[in-house]
C-alpha cells in the first residue's frame, strides 16, 4: 500500500497540498509559538523528536517541507516556548484541548469480519462510528461542550478535539472523570439516562441488537478509548492534515460521523497526482 510513499512524496505534499487551516481551527493562532510539536523523522521509533516550537505557522510549514517527517504531532500550549533546553516537563501548562482517541483494534475481541487487526471493513467500522456518535452526543448534552472537531486518524480510527476555554483548562483529574463517565471501567456506574442513550446509539446495527441482557450489550459496546490520550496533559496528537506514516493517508476532517468511511480519504500520492 505504501510502495510509492517516499520522503520526496512527503515533502511535495507539504509544499503543494498541506493546509494549516484544520490545525489552526483547533489550536488557534494566539498561543501558536508556545505550542509543543513533535515529529517522527525516521521510521524507527528512536528518530522521534519533541519539545519543538515555531514562532509562526509559516515556520512549521517550512519544517514539514524541509524535514519531510513521517509523522507530525502537536501538544499543549505552555507559559514558555518549548525547546530542547526547556522541555515541556519543566514548563507550566497554559492550556490543553480535551481530546479522545478511538481505534478499531480495541474491538478486536468482538470483530467477526475475519479481517486482520490493522484493517477495517464495512462490517466492523460501525464500532468506531457508533462510539464516536455516542461520545459526541454525551459531550454536548451531558457536559455542555458545544464545539467538537472530529478527524480521521489516517489509519483505522477517529480523533475528537473539544474546544473552548472550559475544556482547555480541565485538570488531569477532571479529564479522568470525563472519560470515566463516557467509558466507565466499573459496572453498575451507569445512570438510567446514560443507559438509554448508550442503548439507542451503540446497539443500533451492532450484533443485531438481539439476545442477551440489554445492560450487558451496553457494557460490551461502550466506547473503548485510550485513556492516556485524554488524561495525559503532555500527550501529543497528530497534526490535522498531516500524513499517517503507516498508510500514507492524511489526518482528515470528518464532517459527518454517520456517513464517513476511511476509503473516502485518498492517499497523498493520489492527491498529488490530481494536481
Protein backbone atom coordinates (compact mmCIF):
# COMPACT_ATOMS: atom_id res chain seq x y z
CA UNK A 1 0.00 0.00 0.00
CA UNK A 2 2.83 2.37 0.77
CA UNK A 3 5.19 1.35 -2.01
CA UNK A 4 5.05 4.84 -3.50
CA UNK A 5 5.41 6.51 -0.12
CA UNK A 6 8.80 8.28 -0.10
CA UNK A 7 10.40 11.31 1.52
CA UNK A 8 10.06 13.13 -1.78
CA UNK A 9 6.33 12.45 -1.82
CA UNK A 10 6.01 13.68 1.76
CA UNK A 11 7.88 16.90 1.05
CA UNK A 12 5.85 17.55 -2.11
CA UNK A 13 2.60 17.02 -0.23
CA UNK A 14 3.53 19.52 2.49
CA UNK A 15 4.66 22.04 -0.11
CA UNK A 16 1.73 21.76 -2.50
CA UNK A 17 -1.31 20.33 -0.72
CA UNK A 18 -1.00 20.58 3.07
CA UNK A 19 -3.36 23.06 4.71
CA UNK A 20 -2.69 24.74 8.05
CA UNK A 21 -6.34 25.67 8.44
CA UNK A 22 -7.55 22.45 10.16
CA UNK A 23 -4.73 22.77 12.70
CA UNK A 24 -5.39 26.45 13.38
CA UNK A 25 -9.12 25.72 13.65
CA UNK A 26 -8.42 23.62 16.75
CA UNK A 27 -5.40 25.28 18.39
CA UNK A 28 -5.86 28.88 17.22
CA UNK A 29 -3.13 31.39 16.46
CA UNK A 30 -2.88 33.32 19.74
CA UNK A 31 -0.57 30.87 21.54
CA UNK A 32 0.91 29.20 18.48
CA UNK A 33 4.53 29.97 19.39
CA UNK A 34 4.02 28.33 22.81
CA UNK A 35 2.72 25.05 21.39
CA UNK A 36 4.77 21.89 21.55
CA UNK A 37 5.33 19.94 18.33
CA UNK A 38 6.85 16.53 17.79
CA UNK A 39 7.96 14.65 14.68
CA UNK A 40 8.86 11.16 13.59
CA UNK A 41 11.89 11.83 11.41
CA UNK A 42 12.58 8.19 10.59
CA UNK A 43 10.53 5.02 10.53
CA UNK A 44 12.41 3.84 13.62
CA UNK A 45 10.83 4.98 16.91
CA UNK A 46 14.19 6.30 18.12
CA UNK A 47 14.00 9.01 15.48
CA UNK A 48 11.15 10.77 17.27
CA UNK A 49 11.80 14.35 18.41
CA UNK A 50 9.60 16.61 20.53
CA UNK A 51 9.88 19.77 22.66
CA UNK A 52 9.95 21.85 19.49
CA UNK A 53 8.07 25.09 18.86
CA UNK A 54 7.63 27.54 15.99
CA UNK A 55 7.17 31.30 16.10
CA UNK A 56 4.53 31.25 13.39
CA UNK A 57 2.66 28.75 11.17
CA UNK A 58 4.89 29.51 8.18
CA UNK A 59 7.89 28.16 10.12
CA UNK A 60 6.03 24.93 10.77
CA UNK A 61 5.24 24.56 7.08
CA UNK A 62 8.89 25.12 6.17
CA UNK A 63 9.95 22.47 8.68
CA UNK A 64 7.49 19.97 7.21
CA UNK A 65 8.71 20.64 3.68
CA UNK A 66 12.42 20.52 4.50
CA UNK A 67 12.43 17.67 7.03
CA UNK A 68 9.62 15.63 5.43
CA UNK A 69 8.77 13.85 8.70
CA UNK A 70 6.97 10.54 8.59
CA UNK A 71 4.52 11.88 11.16
CA UNK A 72 3.75 15.23 12.81
CA UNK A 73 2.22 15.85 16.23
CA UNK A 74 1.01 18.83 18.28
CA UNK A 75 0.51 19.18 22.02
CA UNK A 76 -0.40 21.69 24.68
CA UNK A 77 0.45 25.38 24.94
CA UNK A 78 2.86 26.36 27.73
CA UNK A 79 3.81 29.57 29.51
CA UNK A 80 7.20 29.49 27.75
CA UNK A 81 8.26 28.21 24.36
CA UNK A 82 9.20 24.51 24.47
CA UNK A 83 12.78 23.80 23.41
CA UNK A 84 15.29 21.00 23.91
CA UNK A 85 16.80 23.02 26.76
CA UNK A 86 13.40 23.81 28.28
CA UNK A 87 11.33 20.63 27.80
CA UNK A 88 7.61 20.66 28.49
CA UNK A 89 8.05 18.61 31.66
CA UNK A 90 9.75 21.66 33.20
CA UNK A 91 7.23 24.25 31.95
CA UNK A 92 3.95 25.48 33.45
CA UNK A 93 0.97 24.41 31.37
CA UNK A 94 -1.14 27.14 29.79
CA UNK A 95 -3.88 25.14 28.09
CA UNK A 96 -4.57 21.75 26.56
CA UNK A 97 -7.58 20.77 24.49
CA UNK A 98 -9.68 17.84 25.68
CA UNK A 99 -9.05 15.04 23.18
CA UNK A 100 -10.23 11.49 22.58
CA UNK A 101 -8.79 8.65 20.51
CA UNK A 102 -10.98 5.86 19.09
CA UNK A 103 -9.15 2.92 17.48
CA UNK A 104 -10.87 -0.02 15.81
CA UNK A 105 -8.36 -2.52 17.21
CA UNK A 106 -9.86 -2.00 20.67
CA UNK A 107 -12.84 -4.05 19.44
CA UNK A 108 -10.79 -6.97 18.12
CA UNK A 109 -12.45 -9.34 20.57
CA UNK A 110 -15.86 -8.51 19.07
CA UNK A 111 -14.96 -8.35 15.39
CA UNK A 112 -16.24 -11.25 13.32
CA UNK A 113 -15.30 -10.00 9.86
CA UNK A 114 -12.12 -12.07 9.70
CA UNK A 115 -10.01 -9.06 8.79
CA UNK A 116 -6.54 -8.68 10.24
CA UNK A 117 -6.30 -6.35 13.20
CA UNK A 118 -4.76 -3.50 11.20
CA UNK A 119 -7.54 -3.49 8.63
CA UNK A 120 -11.13 -2.30 8.61
CA UNK A 121 -14.25 -3.09 6.61
CA UNK A 122 -17.86 -2.00 6.39
CA UNK A 123 -18.83 -4.76 8.81
CA UNK A 124 -16.55 -3.62 11.65
CA UNK A 125 -16.27 0.16 11.07
CA UNK A 126 -19.68 0.69 12.78
CA UNK A 127 -17.94 0.01 16.11
CA UNK A 128 -15.96 3.22 15.60
CA UNK A 129 -18.87 5.18 14.15
CA UNK A 130 -21.29 4.30 16.95
CA UNK A 131 -18.70 5.09 19.61
CA UNK A 132 -18.00 8.48 18.03
CA UNK A 133 -21.69 9.36 17.83
CA UNK A 134 -22.14 8.36 21.46
CA UNK A 135 -19.16 10.45 22.60
CA UNK A 136 -20.28 13.42 20.51
CA UNK A 137 -23.80 13.39 21.95
CA UNK A 138 -22.66 12.79 25.54
CA UNK A 139 -20.12 15.62 25.49
CA UNK A 140 -22.68 18.06 24.14
CA UNK A 141 -25.77 17.05 26.11
CA UNK A 142 -24.28 15.99 29.45
CA UNK A 143 -21.23 18.27 29.65
CA UNK A 144 -22.38 21.23 27.58
CA UNK A 145 -19.36 21.22 25.27
CA UNK A 146 -20.55 22.84 22.07
CA UNK A 147 -17.52 22.90 19.78
CA UNK A 148 -16.21 19.49 18.76
CA UNK A 149 -13.95 18.70 15.82
CA UNK A 150 -13.62 15.15 14.51
CA UNK A 151 -10.72 13.82 12.44
CA UNK A 152 -9.95 10.54 10.74
CA UNK A 153 -6.65 9.38 12.25
CA UNK A 154 -5.28 8.40 8.85
CA UNK A 155 -5.38 4.70 9.66
CA UNK A 156 -8.26 2.94 11.47
CA UNK A 157 -9.79 5.35 13.95
CA UNK A 158 -11.08 8.80 14.82
CA UNK A 159 -9.81 11.67 16.96
CA UNK A 160 -12.05 14.16 18.76
CA UNK A 161 -10.95 17.64 19.84
CA UNK A 162 -13.15 19.52 22.31
CA UNK A 163 -12.56 23.26 22.09
CA UNK A 164 -13.34 26.17 24.36
CA UNK A 165 -11.80 27.69 27.47
CA UNK A 166 -13.66 25.39 29.85
CA UNK A 167 -12.37 22.19 28.25
CA UNK A 168 -8.85 23.55 27.69
CA UNK A 169 -8.43 24.32 31.40
CA UNK A 170 -9.57 20.96 32.76
CA UNK A 171 -7.18 19.36 35.24
CA UNK A 172 -5.84 15.85 34.84
CA UNK A 173 -8.32 14.59 37.44
CA UNK A 174 -11.22 16.31 35.69
CA UNK A 175 -10.26 14.73 32.36
CA UNK A 176 -10.11 11.36 34.03
CA UNK A 177 -13.61 11.93 35.42
CA UNK A 178 -14.93 12.80 31.96
CA UNK A 179 -13.51 9.67 30.35
CA UNK A 180 -14.70 7.53 33.27
CA UNK A 181 -18.20 8.89 32.70
CA UNK A 182 -18.07 8.13 28.99
CA UNK A 183 -16.32 4.77 29.25
CA UNK A 184 -16.64 3.50 32.84
CA UNK A 185 -14.29 0.75 33.95
CA UNK A 186 -16.63 -0.41 36.72
CA UNK A 187 -20.02 -1.93 36.13
CA UNK A 188 -23.01 -0.54 37.96
CA UNK A 189 -21.99 3.11 37.45
CA UNK A 190 -24.30 3.95 34.55
CA UNK A 191 -27.22 6.30 35.14
CA UNK A 192 -30.61 5.45 33.61
CA UNK A 193 -30.32 8.39 31.21
CA UNK A 194 -26.83 7.28 30.20
CA UNK A 195 -28.01 3.69 29.68
CA UNK A 196 -30.84 4.88 27.44
CA UNK A 197 -28.51 6.86 25.18
CA UNK A 198 -25.95 4.06 25.10
CA UNK A 199 -28.57 1.53 24.12
CA UNK A 200 -30.06 3.72 21.38
CA UNK A 201 -26.75 4.65 19.79
CA UNK A 202 -24.49 1.68 20.38
CA UNK A 203 -26.81 -1.27 19.90
CA UNK A 204 -28.27 0.02 16.63
CA UNK A 205 -26.71 -2.16 13.97
CA UNK A 206 -24.27 -3.88 16.32
CA UNK A 207 -24.59 -7.64 16.88
CA UNK A 208 -28.11 -7.40 15.53
CA UNK A 209 -29.34 -5.88 18.77
CA UNK A 210 -30.97 -9.18 19.74
CA UNK A 211 -30.47 -11.66 22.53
CA UNK A 212 -28.78 -11.31 25.88
CA UNK A 213 -29.10 -8.65 28.52
CA UNK A 214 -29.56 -5.06 27.37
CA UNK A 215 -27.17 -3.88 30.08
CA UNK A 216 -24.60 -6.48 29.02
CA UNK A 217 -24.76 -5.17 25.47
CA UNK A 218 -24.31 -1.62 26.70
CA UNK A 219 -21.17 -2.51 28.61
CA UNK A 220 -19.89 -4.64 25.74
CA UNK A 221 -20.27 -1.86 23.19
CA UNK A 222 -19.43 1.24 25.22
CA UNK A 223 -16.72 3.41 23.65
CA UNK A 224 -13.31 1.84 24.14
CA UNK A 225 -10.87 4.69 24.48
CA UNK A 226 -7.15 5.10 25.01
CA UNK A 227 -7.49 6.71 28.41
CA UNK A 228 -3.92 8.03 28.45
CA UNK A 229 -4.59 10.14 25.35
CA UNK A 230 -7.32 12.03 27.20
CA UNK A 231 -5.76 12.21 30.66
CA UNK A 232 -2.06 12.91 29.92
CA UNK A 233 -1.57 16.69 29.71
CA UNK A 234 1.70 16.24 27.81
CA UNK A 235 0.23 13.88 25.22
CA UNK A 236 0.73 14.78 21.56
CA UNK A 237 -1.94 14.36 18.88
CA UNK A 238 -1.49 14.02 15.14
CA UNK A 239 -1.48 17.36 13.34
CA UNK A 240 -4.68 17.69 11.29
CA UNK A 241 -3.99 17.24 7.56
CA UNK A 242 -0.58 15.68 8.31
CA UNK A 243 0.35 12.25 6.94
CA UNK A 244 -0.04 8.96 8.79
CA UNK A 245 3.23 7.12 8.28
CA UNK A 246 1.64 3.65 8.23
CA UNK A 247 -0.81 4.34 5.42
CA UNK A 248 0.14 7.47 3.50
CA UNK A 249 -3.29 8.95 4.18
CA UNK A 250 -3.72 12.40 5.73
CA UNK A 251 -5.45 13.10 9.03
CA UNK A 252 -8.75 14.33 7.62
CA UNK A 253 -11.63 16.41 8.94
CA UNK A 254 -14.80 14.35 9.36
CA UNK A 255 -17.87 16.41 8.58
CA UNK A 256 -20.45 13.64 9.05
CA UNK A 257 -19.85 10.81 11.52
CA UNK A 258 -22.77 8.82 10.16
CA UNK A 259 -21.60 8.65 6.56
CA UNK A 260 -17.80 8.82 6.87
CA UNK A 261 -15.79 5.77 5.79
CA UNK A 262 -11.95 5.67 5.55
CA UNK A 263 -11.92 4.64 1.89
CA UNK A 264 -13.16 8.14 1.04
CA UNK A 265 -9.75 9.54 2.04
CA UNK A 266 -7.19 9.35 -0.80
CA UNK A 267 -3.51 8.55 -0.35
CA UNK A 268 -1.13 11.51 -0.53
CA UNK A 269 0.37 10.34 -3.82
CA UNK A 270 -3.13 10.23 -5.30
CA UNK A 271 -3.74 13.76 -4.03
CA UNK A 272 -0.55 14.94 -5.71
CA UNK A 273 -1.42 13.21 -8.98
CA UNK A 274 -4.66 15.16 -9.13
CA UNK A 275 -2.63 18.33 -9.50
